């Protein structure tokens, strides 16, 4: 059993130290047929190790690849000069960014004793360096750039500094067009697509493979790779989790595998091929414990908090749908759309890709358990704060209405909630069942013991399950209609509410709680327009009989 390469992003160290290497080199022969490439992936997803592996490949270090898939492909190793840059470092001002770039280039030129930098401007210095190295070695140059957008994305909450750094980077990256004939291969990786950072002018000659199905698994581990490289650890980890009562004693290795997938799988950039978070998988097998490893090692949780709380209704279920590719690329620093931003930073992933006429549309979701609780807690608390809830007062009235099955009182409470939604959060795309569903999630958050949205059931997923502090389970089904100002409004609301009750009855949503011996109530909720509502309690004892 090989050692786990925790925090190791160097191929030589992994191979020589007998560390586990999930072999992606089968992708390299076709990958390097291209000239200039760009790949966007979240932080800590293996981009640095990918570039290091390409670095060793182009340096002709064939011994490191012995036994790997590329060595079995018939690939002919050849040595090229390589310039490799990581754009991380102190870039808290444009001057420091420039100084840091010059220092990095000086380190690159040191092994070439006959060469020196010929400019103090980073872009011009890189251009001259590529020219000089190519002439010195008699070969075209390979250039690999990691975290290309760090000087901008790291200061995304400081637009003036981010914009100033963008100007420095634009003049740096534009030289790749000028020296194209001297380049054998270029690969640039980062967090966000270059158009989002205002860097298109310098990088638009790159071929963006971020959404290319051929390279969907180039970073991260597929479920098949999980089995291939980690199944020899399943047994010991399973026993450890049983000993802490995280998993029941009768759990199998198949149960463990599914739990791993639920926690860390789900990331996709093409809608089909899904990968597990690599940093989380390595740490999980190291500690034999399910934790939020990637979340705690990625961008600060404050970033997630600030992004969601600035406009939580951007993240309601219906607003995670209907994005086109330009939405995922085009932006201005300081005006990055919140949903694409959280997608590129790894807090959301693609749910579905559908073709509508000539356009491809994307919808998004939270990838897995590792992020679900943090995301939902921030979202619901943000909605709750917008609704300005007096929790002490409303806790009593809400729980009493549920306990007493008081339909008129619950109707009054819910209509009051909807009336608090600021007008700016209404828009044509917002008015839907999903919108009111998420408003209620935010409202109920903290007022009851548990809120379970769309809890999976045998015949379907009820909209909401509330568990009061007294242990009463409330099963809620919402039905929505757009029409406002109807003369028969009360009758229409009643029909919608009773339609919700029929769904609960037909799909036996309450059966689970009856069999478990829980006290439960069923509630049909009709909503029309911008918040006209009516709640009706069902006679579930009669229904179940």
Protein backbone atom coordinates (compact mmCIF):
# COMPACT_ATOMS: atom_id res chain seq x y z
CA UNK A 1 0.00 0.00 0.00
CA UNK A 2 1.58 3.26 -1.13
CA UNK A 3 1.88 6.39 0.95
CA UNK A 4 -0.71 9.12 0.43
CA UNK A 5 0.75 12.27 -1.21
CA UNK A 6 -0.75 14.81 1.17
CA UNK A 7 0.19 18.34 0.08
CA UNK A 8 2.70 16.98 -2.47
CA UNK A 9 2.38 18.46 -5.95
CA UNK A 10 5.71 17.29 -7.33
CA UNK A 11 5.79 14.22 -9.59
CA UNK A 12 9.44 13.40 -8.86
CA UNK A 13 8.80 13.35 -5.11
CA UNK A 14 5.69 11.22 -5.55
CA UNK A 15 7.40 8.60 -7.75
CA UNK A 16 10.69 8.49 -5.88
CA UNK A 17 8.98 8.47 -2.48
CA UNK A 18 6.65 5.62 -3.45
CA UNK A 19 3.57 7.80 -3.02
CA UNK A 20 0.26 7.01 -4.66
CA UNK A 21 -0.10 8.62 -8.11
CA UNK A 22 -3.49 8.53 -9.80
CA UNK A 23 -2.30 8.16 -13.38
CA UNK A 24 -3.74 10.74 -15.77
CA UNK A 25 -0.91 10.40 -18.30
CA UNK A 26 -3.13 8.47 -20.73
CA UNK A 27 -4.54 11.90 -21.61
CA UNK A 28 -1.16 13.49 -22.36
CA UNK A 29 -0.41 12.27 -25.92
CA UNK A 30 -3.56 13.87 -27.33
CA UNK A 31 -3.38 16.86 -24.98
CA UNK A 32 0.06 17.96 -26.13
CA UNK A 33 -0.90 17.77 -29.80
CA UNK A 34 -2.42 21.19 -29.13
CA UNK A 35 -0.42 24.39 -29.14
CA UNK A 36 -1.84 26.70 -26.46
CA UNK A 37 -4.38 25.49 -23.89
CA UNK A 38 -6.34 26.86 -20.96
CA UNK A 39 -7.93 24.90 -18.10
CA UNK A 40 -10.15 26.27 -15.36
CA UNK A 41 -10.64 24.25 -12.17
CA UNK A 42 -11.20 25.13 -8.48
CA UNK A 43 -8.29 25.44 -6.09
CA UNK A 44 -6.78 22.26 -4.63
CA UNK A 45 -8.07 20.12 -7.51
CA UNK A 46 -4.71 18.92 -8.84
CA UNK A 47 -3.84 21.61 -11.40
CA UNK A 48 -0.34 22.10 -9.99
CA UNK A 49 0.45 18.38 -10.09
CA UNK A 50 -0.89 18.23 -13.66
CA UNK A 51 1.48 21.01 -14.73
CA UNK A 52 4.39 19.44 -12.86
CA UNK A 53 3.78 16.14 -14.65
CA UNK A 54 3.77 17.97 -18.01
CA UNK A 55 6.93 19.78 -16.95
CA UNK A 56 8.73 16.47 -16.35
CA UNK A 57 7.33 15.06 -19.59
CA UNK A 58 8.69 17.90 -21.71
CA UNK A 59 12.03 17.83 -19.93
CA UNK A 60 12.33 14.27 -21.23
CA UNK A 61 12.53 12.60 -17.81
CA UNK A 62 11.31 9.24 -19.10
CA UNK A 63 12.37 7.32 -15.98
CA UNK A 64 9.69 9.05 -13.90
CA UNK A 65 7.00 7.76 -16.26
CA UNK A 66 8.16 4.16 -16.29
CA UNK A 67 5.12 1.98 -15.58
CA UNK A 68 2.68 4.82 -16.18
CA UNK A 69 0.14 4.75 -19.00
CA UNK A 70 1.97 7.16 -21.28
CA UNK A 71 5.04 4.91 -21.27
CA UNK A 72 2.82 2.09 -22.56
CA UNK A 73 1.41 4.28 -25.34
CA UNK A 74 4.56 4.37 -27.45
CA UNK A 75 5.15 8.06 -26.74
CA UNK A 76 8.62 9.18 -27.77
CA UNK A 77 10.18 11.33 -25.07
CA UNK A 78 12.00 14.44 -26.24
CA UNK A 79 13.64 17.20 -24.24
CA UNK A 80 12.43 20.80 -24.53
CA UNK A 81 13.32 23.94 -22.55
CA UNK A 82 10.53 24.66 -20.06
CA UNK A 83 9.46 27.93 -18.47
CA UNK A 84 7.18 27.30 -15.52
CA UNK A 85 5.54 30.03 -13.50
CA UNK A 86 3.17 30.10 -10.56
CA UNK A 87 1.43 33.45 -10.24
CA UNK A 88 0.89 33.19 -6.50
CA UNK A 89 2.85 35.42 -4.16
CA UNK A 90 2.66 38.95 -2.83
CA UNK A 91 0.61 40.94 -5.31
CA UNK A 92 -0.97 43.39 -2.89
CA UNK A 93 -0.05 46.22 -5.26
CA UNK A 94 0.73 46.42 -8.99
CA UNK A 95 4.32 47.35 -8.12
CA UNK A 96 4.77 44.27 -5.95
CA UNK A 97 3.19 42.11 -8.64
CA UNK A 98 5.67 43.42 -11.23
CA UNK A 99 8.58 42.92 -8.84
CA UNK A 100 7.45 39.38 -8.09
CA UNK A 101 7.21 38.53 -11.80
CA UNK A 102 10.72 39.83 -12.47
CA UNK A 103 12.06 37.80 -9.52
CA UNK A 104 10.41 34.64 -10.87
CA UNK A 105 11.91 35.24 -14.34
CA UNK A 106 15.33 35.81 -12.81
CA UNK A 107 15.09 32.40 -11.11
CA UNK A 108 14.20 30.82 -14.47
CA UNK A 109 17.14 32.39 -16.31
CA UNK A 110 19.77 31.42 -13.68
CA UNK A 111 20.57 27.94 -15.13
CA UNK A 112 21.31 29.58 -18.48
CA UNK A 113 24.71 31.05 -17.64
CA UNK A 114 25.03 32.94 -20.92
CA UNK A 115 21.66 34.66 -20.54
CA UNK A 116 20.16 37.43 -18.44
CA UNK A 117 16.91 39.36 -18.39
CA UNK A 118 16.85 42.14 -20.95
CA UNK A 119 14.05 44.26 -19.53
CA UNK A 120 12.61 45.40 -16.21
CA UNK A 121 9.08 45.24 -17.60
CA UNK A 122 7.67 41.72 -16.91
CA UNK A 123 5.98 41.21 -20.29
CA UNK A 124 8.95 42.38 -22.33
CA UNK A 125 11.32 40.40 -20.07
CA UNK A 126 9.31 37.19 -20.67
CA UNK A 127 9.22 37.80 -24.41
CA UNK A 128 13.01 38.30 -24.61
CA UNK A 129 13.59 35.32 -22.33
CA UNK A 130 11.57 32.99 -24.59
CA UNK A 131 13.51 34.30 -27.61
CA UNK A 132 16.88 33.84 -25.92
CA UNK A 133 16.17 30.37 -24.48
CA UNK A 134 14.84 29.12 -27.82
CA UNK A 135 17.99 30.35 -29.58
CA UNK A 136 20.29 28.99 -26.86
CA UNK A 137 18.70 25.51 -26.89
CA UNK A 138 17.79 25.32 -30.56
CA UNK A 139 14.28 24.24 -29.65
CA UNK A 140 10.87 25.75 -29.24
CA UNK A 141 9.96 26.58 -25.64
CA UNK A 142 7.29 25.02 -23.42
CA UNK A 143 5.55 27.47 -21.07
CA UNK A 144 3.39 26.37 -18.15
CA UNK A 145 1.56 28.92 -15.98
CA UNK A 146 -0.27 27.94 -12.80
CA UNK A 147 -2.84 30.07 -10.94
CA UNK A 148 -2.73 32.62 -13.77
CA UNK A 149 -5.57 34.66 -12.20
CA UNK A 150 -4.38 34.65 -8.57
CA UNK A 151 -3.37 38.36 -8.56
CA UNK A 152 -6.95 39.20 -9.56
CA UNK A 153 -9.12 36.48 -8.00
CA UNK A 154 -7.33 36.78 -4.65
CA UNK A 155 -8.51 40.38 -4.46
CA UNK A 156 -11.96 39.88 -5.92
CA UNK A 157 -13.50 41.80 -3.00
CA UNK A 158 -11.13 44.74 -3.71
CA UNK A 159 -12.10 45.81 -7.26
CA UNK A 160 -9.61 48.74 -7.59
CA UNK A 161 -6.63 46.51 -6.74
CA UNK A 162 -7.99 43.63 -8.84
CA UNK A 163 -8.38 45.96 -11.81
CA UNK A 164 -4.87 47.39 -11.40
CA UNK A 165 -3.40 43.88 -11.26
CA UNK A 166 -5.44 42.96 -14.34
CA UNK A 167 -3.64 45.65 -16.33
CA UNK A 168 -0.25 44.24 -15.29
CA UNK A 169 -1.26 40.70 -16.24
CA UNK A 170 -2.73 41.75 -19.58
CA UNK A 171 0.59 43.26 -20.69
CA UNK A 172 2.37 40.14 -19.42
CA UNK A 173 0.21 37.52 -21.14
CA UNK A 174 -0.13 39.32 -24.47
CA UNK A 175 3.44 38.38 -25.41
CA UNK A 176 2.36 34.78 -26.13
CA UNK A 177 0.85 36.03 -29.38
CA UNK A 178 4.11 37.74 -30.33
CA UNK A 179 6.34 34.70 -29.81
CA UNK A 180 3.89 32.02 -30.98
CA UNK A 181 6.34 30.55 -33.53
CA UNK A 182 8.89 29.98 -30.75
CA UNK A 183 6.48 28.01 -28.56
CA UNK A 184 6.11 24.22 -28.59
CA UNK A 185 3.33 24.09 -26.01
CA UNK A 186 1.60 26.47 -23.62
CA UNK A 187 -0.77 25.53 -20.83
CA UNK A 188 -2.38 28.06 -18.52
CA UNK A 189 -4.47 27.00 -15.53
CA UNK A 190 -6.46 28.94 -13.01
CA UNK A 191 -9.58 29.36 -10.95
CA UNK A 192 -11.73 31.38 -13.35
CA UNK A 193 -12.06 31.61 -17.12
CA UNK A 194 -9.85 34.37 -18.47
CA UNK A 195 -12.74 36.44 -19.85
CA UNK A 196 -14.11 36.74 -16.31
CA UNK A 197 -10.90 38.42 -15.24
CA UNK A 198 -10.80 40.88 -18.14
CA UNK A 199 -7.79 39.10 -19.62
CA UNK A 200 -9.23 38.05 -22.98
CA UNK A 201 -6.96 40.40 -24.94
CA UNK A 202 -3.86 38.61 -23.71
CA UNK A 203 -5.15 35.05 -23.67
CA UNK A 204 -7.88 34.68 -26.29
CA UNK A 205 -5.56 32.65 -28.53
CA UNK A 206 -5.69 29.83 -25.97
CA UNK A 207 -7.99 26.86 -26.59
CA UNK A 208 -10.22 26.51 -23.52
CA UNK A 209 -10.55 22.82 -22.61
CA UNK A 210 -12.40 23.47 -19.34
CA UNK A 211 -15.66 22.08 -20.78
CA UNK A 212 -14.16 19.58 -23.22
CA UNK A 213 -15.52 16.06 -22.51
CA UNK A 214 -12.16 14.53 -23.51
CA UNK A 215 -10.55 16.15 -20.48
CA UNK A 216 -13.46 16.03 -18.04
CA UNK A 217 -11.45 13.81 -15.67
CA UNK A 218 -8.04 15.45 -16.07
CA UNK A 219 -8.28 16.80 -12.50
CA UNK A 220 -10.05 14.98 -9.68
CA UNK A 221 -10.69 11.24 -9.27
CA UNK A 222 -13.44 9.34 -11.09
CA UNK A 223 -15.44 6.66 -9.22
CA UNK A 224 -13.53 4.02 -11.22
CA UNK A 225 -10.23 5.55 -10.10
CA UNK A 226 -11.51 5.55 -6.53
CA UNK A 227 -11.91 1.78 -6.78
CA UNK A 228 -8.68 1.22 -8.70
CA UNK A 229 -6.39 3.21 -6.43
CA UNK A 230 -8.09 3.22 -3.02
CA UNK A 231 -10.14 0.01 -2.66
CA UNK A 232 -7.30 -1.67 -0.76
CA UNK A 233 -8.00 0.82 2.03
CA UNK A 234 -11.76 0.25 2.20
CA UNK A 235 -11.58 -2.53 4.79
CA UNK A 236 -9.52 -0.69 7.41
CA UNK A 237 -11.45 2.56 6.96
CA UNK A 238 -14.77 0.71 7.23
CA UNK A 239 -13.74 -0.83 10.55
CA UNK A 240 -12.57 2.55 11.85
CA UNK A 241 -15.92 4.17 10.98
CA UNK A 242 -17.82 1.29 12.56
CA UNK A 243 -15.80 1.67 15.76
CA UNK A 244 -16.89 5.32 16.05
CA UNK A 245 -20.51 4.39 15.21
CA UNK A 246 -20.45 6.62 12.14
CA UNK A 247 -21.51 3.59 10.11
CA UNK A 248 -23.73 0.77 11.44
CA UNK A 249 -22.04 -2.52 12.33
CA UNK A 250 -23.69 -4.30 9.40
CA UNK A 251 -22.30 -1.81 6.82
CA UNK A 252 -20.40 -3.25 3.86
CA UNK A 253 -17.59 -1.88 1.72
CA UNK A 254 -20.25 -1.03 -0.86
CA UNK A 255 -22.01 1.10 1.76
CA UNK A 256 -18.73 2.85 2.53
CA UNK A 257 -18.09 3.51 -1.14
CA UNK A 258 -21.53 5.09 -1.57
CA UNK A 259 -20.98 7.28 1.48
CA UNK A 260 -17.66 8.46 0.02
CA UNK A 261 -19.41 9.33 -3.25
CA UNK A 262 -22.16 11.20 -1.41
CA UNK A 263 -19.59 13.23 0.51
CA UNK A 264 -16.95 14.01 -2.11
CA UNK A 265 -18.18 13.15 -5.62
CA UNK A 266 -20.42 15.18 -7.89
CA UNK A 267 -18.12 17.72 -9.55
CA UNK A 268 -18.60 17.95 -13.29
CA UNK A 269 -17.79 20.40 -16.07
CA UNK A 270 -19.53 18.48 -18.85
CA UNK A 271 -22.74 17.31 -17.14
CA UNK A 272 -21.92 13.59 -17.30
CA UNK A 273 -18.43 12.60 -16.16
CA UNK A 274 -18.25 13.30 -12.43
CA UNK A 275 -15.14 13.43 -10.29
CA UNK A 276 -14.40 13.32 -6.59
CA UNK A 277 -12.55 16.10 -4.86
CA UNK A 278 -8.91 14.87 -4.72
CA UNK A 279 -7.75 16.78 -1.62
CA UNK A 280 -10.78 15.51 0.30
CA UNK A 281 -10.27 11.90 -0.78
CA UNK A 282 -6.58 11.86 0.20
CA UNK A 283 -7.32 13.38 3.60
CA UNK A 284 -10.33 11.13 4.16
CA UNK A 285 -8.28 7.97 3.68
CA UNK A 286 -5.51 9.44 5.82
CA UNK A 287 -7.81 10.21 8.75
CA UNK A 288 -10.54 7.57 8.23
CA UNK A 289 -13.11 10.23 9.01
CA UNK A 290 -15.63 12.24 7.02
CA UNK A 291 -14.81 15.95 7.30
CA UNK A 292 -15.08 19.10 5.22
CA UNK A 293 -11.47 18.89 4.06
CA UNK A 294 -11.63 20.91 0.84
CA UNK A 295 -13.92 23.59 2.22
CA UNK A 296 -11.52 24.21 5.07
CA UNK A 297 -8.53 24.43 2.68
CA UNK A 298 -10.07 26.49 -0.11
CA UNK A 299 -11.12 30.10 -0.30
CA UNK A 300 -12.16 31.47 3.07
CA UNK A 301 -15.66 30.63 4.22
CA UNK A 302 -16.09 34.41 4.48
CA UNK A 303 -15.98 34.51 0.68
CA UNK A 304 -18.90 32.08 0.49
CA UNK A 305 -20.76 34.01 3.18
CA UNK A 306 -20.26 37.36 1.46
CA UNK A 307 -21.15 36.06 -2.00
CA UNK A 308 -24.41 34.43 -0.92
CA UNK A 309 -25.54 37.06 1.58
CA UNK A 310 -25.14 39.87 -0.99
CA UNK A 311 -28.11 38.43 -2.88
CA UNK A 312 -29.34 35.10 -1.50
CA UNK A 313 -32.24 34.90 -3.95
CA UNK A 314 -29.68 34.43 -6.74
CA UNK A 315 -29.22 30.95 -5.31
CA UNK A 316 -32.80 29.81 -5.05
CA UNK A 317 -33.35 26.66 -7.08
CA UNK A 318 -35.02 28.33 -10.06
CA UNK A 319 -32.21 30.91 -10.27
CA UNK A 320 -29.59 28.19 -10.63
CA UNK A 321 -31.00 27.41 -14.06
CA UNK A 322 -30.95 28.92 -17.54
CA UNK A 323 -27.34 30.08 -17.83
CA UNK A 324 -25.64 30.18 -21.23
CA UNK A 325 -21.91 29.83 -21.89
CA UNK A 326 -21.32 33.57 -22.12
CA UNK A 327 -22.69 33.88 -18.57
CA UNK A 328 -19.85 31.63 -17.43
CA UNK A 329 -17.17 33.65 -19.21
CA UNK A 330 -17.95 37.32 -19.64
CA UNK A 331 -17.76 39.68 -16.70
CA UNK A 332 -16.07 42.78 -15.36
CA UNK A 333 -13.88 42.71 -12.27
CA UNK A 334 -16.07 43.83 -9.39
CA UNK A 335 -19.23 42.77 -11.23
CA UNK A 336 -18.86 39.00 -11.37
CA UNK A 337 -22.25 37.27 -11.39
CA UNK A 338 -22.60 35.34 -8.10
CA UNK A 339 -23.70 31.96 -9.49
CA UNK A 340 -20.91 31.64 -12.13
CA UNK A 341 -18.45 32.88 -9.51
CA UNK A 342 -19.37 30.10 -7.07
CA UNK A 343 -19.28 27.60 -9.93
CA UNK A 344 -15.71 28.51 -10.88
CA UNK A 345 -14.58 28.54 -7.26
CA UNK A 346 -16.00 25.04 -6.69
CA UNK A 347 -18.97 25.71 -4.43
CA UNK A 348 -21.42 24.85 -7.22
CA UNK A 349 -21.19 22.40 -10.08
CA UNK A 350 -23.14 21.72 -13.25
CA UNK A 351 -26.39 19.88 -12.71
CA UNK A 352 -27.71 19.64 -16.27
CA UNK A 353 -26.75 20.79 -19.73
CA UNK A 354 -29.63 21.13 -22.17
CA UNK A 355 -29.88 22.54 -25.69
CA UNK A 356 -32.60 25.15 -26.20
CA UNK A 357 -32.82 25.98 -29.91
CA UNK A 358 -29.28 26.94 -30.87
CA UNK A 359 -28.07 27.70 -27.35
CA UNK A 360 -26.75 25.43 -24.63
CA UNK A 361 -28.14 26.14 -21.17
CA UNK A 362 -26.59 25.18 -17.85
CA UNK A 363 -28.17 24.61 -14.46
CA UNK A 364 -26.19 24.28 -11.23
CA UNK A 365 -26.34 22.55 -7.86
CA UNK A 366 -24.26 22.08 -4.73
CA UNK A 367 -21.92 19.15 -5.51
CA UNK A 368 -22.03 16.99 -2.38
CA UNK A 369 -22.43 16.58 1.38
CA UNK A 370 -19.11 18.29 2.08
CA UNK A 371 -20.53 21.62 0.92
CA UNK A 372 -24.27 21.14 1.32
CA UNK A 373 -24.63 22.05 5.00
CA UNK A 374 -22.39 25.12 4.84
CA UNK A 375 -24.04 26.36 1.65
CA UNK A 376 -27.58 25.82 2.88
CA UNK A 377 -26.92 27.28 6.34
CA UNK A 378 -25.51 30.47 4.83
CA UNK A 379 -28.29 30.68 2.24
CA UNK A 380 -31.10 30.13 4.73
CA UNK A 381 -29.67 32.44 7.39
CA UNK A 382 -29.23 35.14 4.70
CA UNK A 383 -32.86 34.79 3.59
CA UNK A 384 -33.93 34.76 7.23
CA UNK A 385 -32.09 38.03 7.90
CA UNK A 386 -33.81 39.68 4.90
CA UNK A 387 -37.18 38.69 6.33
CA UNK A 388 -36.28 40.44 9.64
CA UNK A 389 -37.74 37.70 11.78
CA UNK A 390 -38.41 38.15 15.50
CA UNK A 391 -37.46 34.56 16.29
CA UNK A 392 -38.63 34.57 19.92
CA UNK A 393 -42.11 35.79 18.98
CA UNK A 394 -42.54 33.81 15.80
CA UNK A 395 -41.18 30.58 17.26
CA UNK A 396 -44.16 30.37 19.58
CA UNK A 397 -46.85 31.25 17.05
CA UNK A 398 -45.47 28.95 14.32
CA UNK A 399 -45.06 25.91 16.54
CA UNK A 400 -48.47 26.45 18.15
CA UNK A 401 -50.16 26.69 14.74
CA UNK A 402 -48.56 23.39 13.68
CA UNK A 403 -49.40 21.65 16.95
CA UNK A 404 -53.02 22.87 16.90
CA UNK A 405 -53.34 22.27 13.13
CA UNK A 406 -54.62 25.82 12.87
CA UNK A 407 -54.89 26.51 9.13
CA UNK A 408 -56.01 30.18 9.36
CA UNK A 409 -53.18 31.05 11.77
CA UNK A 410 -50.54 29.29 9.65
CA UNK A 411 -51.95 31.10 6.60
CA UNK A 412 -51.58 34.43 8.41
CA UNK A 413 -47.98 33.63 9.34
CA UNK A 414 -46.99 32.58 5.83
CA UNK A 415 -48.67 35.58 4.16
CA UNK A 416 -46.84 37.86 6.59
CA UNK A 417 -43.55 36.19 5.63
CA UNK A 418 -44.16 36.71 1.91
CA UNK A 419 -45.14 40.35 2.50
CA UNK A 420 -41.66 41.02 3.95
CA UNK A 421 -39.82 40.10 0.76
CA UNK A 422 -38.24 43.33 -0.57
CA UNK A 423 -39.54 44.30 -4.02
CA UNK A 424 -36.01 44.23 -5.52
CA UNK A 425 -35.94 40.45 -5.05
CA UNK A 426 -38.94 39.98 -7.30
CA UNK A 427 -38.39 39.57 -11.00
CA UNK A 428 -40.00 37.63 -13.80
CA UNK A 429 -37.57 34.77 -13.43
CA UNK A 430 -38.05 34.63 -9.66
CA UNK A 431 -41.81 34.13 -9.47
CA UNK A 432 -42.19 30.39 -9.16
CA UNK A 433 -42.91 27.64 -6.70
CA UNK A 434 -39.16 27.25 -6.14
CA UNK A 435 -38.87 30.87 -5.08
CA UNK A 436 -41.49 30.58 -2.34
CA UNK A 437 -40.13 27.18 -1.39
CA UNK A 438 -36.73 28.74 -0.63
CA UNK A 439 -38.25 31.75 1.12
CA UNK A 440 -40.02 29.37 3.48
CA UNK A 441 -36.82 27.40 3.99
CA UNK A 442 -35.16 30.60 5.15
CA UNK A 443 -38.10 31.52 7.34
CA UNK A 444 -38.37 28.14 9.07
CA UNK A 445 -34.58 28.01 9.57
CA UNK A 446 -34.02 28.27 13.33
CA UNK A 447 -37.71 28.30 14.22
CA UNK A 448 -38.04 24.51 14.20
CA UNK A 449 -35.67 21.73 15.15
CA UNK A 450 -35.08 20.59 11.55
CA UNK A 451 -35.93 21.72 8.05
CA UNK A 452 -35.58 19.03 5.36
CA UNK A 453 -36.12 20.19 1.78
CA UNK A 454 -37.20 17.60 -0.75
CA UNK A 455 -36.34 14.63 1.46
CA UNK A 456 -36.18 11.55 -0.80
CA UNK A 457 -39.11 9.15 -0.49
CA UNK A 458 -40.18 5.93 -2.18
CA UNK A 459 -42.73 7.64 -4.45
CA UNK A 460 -41.28 11.15 -4.62
CA UNK A 461 -39.79 14.03 -2.64
CA UNK A 462 -42.12 16.19 -0.52
CA UNK A 463 -41.36 19.92 -0.79
CA UNK A 464 -40.67 20.45 2.90
CA UNK A 465 -40.45 18.42 6.07
CA UNK A 466 -40.44 20.39 9.32
CA UNK A 467 -39.63 18.79 12.65
CA UNK A 468 -40.76 20.91 15.59
CA UNK A 469 -38.94 20.94 18.90
CA UNK A 470 -41.83 18.84 20.26
CA UNK A 471 -41.09 16.16 17.66
CA UNK A 472 -44.03 16.80 15.34
CA UNK A 473 -43.21 16.12 11.68
CA UNK A 474 -44.99 18.50 9.29
CA UNK A 475 -45.16 17.36 5.66
CA UNK A 476 -45.71 20.37 3.34
CA UNK A 477 -46.50 20.33 -0.37
CA UNK A 478 -46.57 23.68 -2.21
CA UNK A 479 -48.63 24.40 -5.32
CA UNK A 480 -48.23 27.66 -7.19
CA UNK A 481 -50.11 29.64 -9.86
CA UNK A 482 -49.05 32.93 -11.46
CA UNK A 483 -52.41 34.66 -11.84
CA UNK A 484 -53.01 37.68 -9.59
CA UNK A 485 -56.05 39.87 -9.02
CA UNK A 486 -58.50 37.02 -9.56
CA UNK A 487 -62.10 37.45 -8.44
CA UNK A 488 -62.05 33.83 -7.22
CA UNK A 489 -58.72 34.22 -5.40
CA UNK A 490 -59.77 32.52 -2.18
CA UNK A 491 -61.34 29.60 -4.05
CA UNK A 492 -58.27 29.25 -6.28
CA UNK A 493 -55.94 29.24 -3.26
CA UNK A 494 -58.08 26.59 -1.58
CA UNK A 495 -57.96 24.41 -4.69
CA UNK A 496 -54.17 24.69 -4.89
CA UNK A 497 -53.76 23.86 -1.21
CA UNK A 498 -55.99 20.81 -1.50
CA UNK A 499 -54.12 19.75 -4.62
CA UNK A 500 -51.01 19.72 -2.44
CA UNK A 501 -52.80 17.53 0.10
CA UNK A 502 -53.81 15.09 -2.66
CA UNK A 503 -50.17 14.76 -3.73
CA UNK A 504 -49.17 13.98 -0.15
CA UNK A 505 -51.91 11.35 0.06
CA UNK A 506 -51.26 9.77 -3.35
CA UNK A 507 -47.50 9.54 -2.80
CA UNK A 508 -47.87 8.47 0.84
CA UNK A 509 -45.42 11.08 2.07
CA UNK A 510 -46.57 10.62 5.66
CA UNK A 511 -46.23 6.84 5.66
CA UNK A 512 -42.56 6.95 6.68
CA UNK A 513 -43.35 8.92 9.83
CA UNK A 514 -46.41 6.83 10.71
CA UNK A 515 -44.37 3.63 10.52
CA UNK A 516 -41.63 5.23 12.64
CA UNK A 517 -44.22 6.14 15.29
CA UNK A 518 -43.79 9.91 14.87
CA UNK A 519 -46.59 12.37 15.39
CA UNK A 520 -47.10 14.12 12.07
CA UNK A 521 -49.34 16.54 10.23
CA UNK A 522 -49.86 17.16 6.52
CA UNK A 523 -50.14 20.65 5.04
CA UNK A 524 -51.14 21.73 1.54
CA UNK A 525 -49.99 25.25 0.72
CA UNK A 526 -51.47 27.21 -2.19
CA UNK A 527 -49.60 30.29 -3.41
CA UNK A 528 -50.64 32.72 -6.15
CA UNK A 529 -48.78 35.66 -7.66
CA UNK A 530 -46.42 37.49 -5.33
CA UNK A 531 -47.46 35.92 -2.09
CA UNK A 532 -51.18 35.36 -1.77
CA UNK A 533 -51.28 32.12 0.20
CA UNK A 534 -53.49 29.63 2.00
CA UNK A 535 -52.46 26.69 4.19
CA UNK A 536 -54.78 23.73 4.74
CA UNK A 537 -54.13 20.86 7.14
CA UNK A 538 -55.05 17.38 5.99
CA UNK A 539 -56.95 14.73 7.91
CA UNK A 540 -54.12 12.28 7.56
CA UNK A 541 -55.56 9.68 9.89
CA UNK A 542 -58.60 9.42 7.62
CA UNK A 543 -56.42 9.55 4.50
CA UNK A 544 -54.16 6.73 5.68
CA UNK A 545 -57.13 4.61 6.69
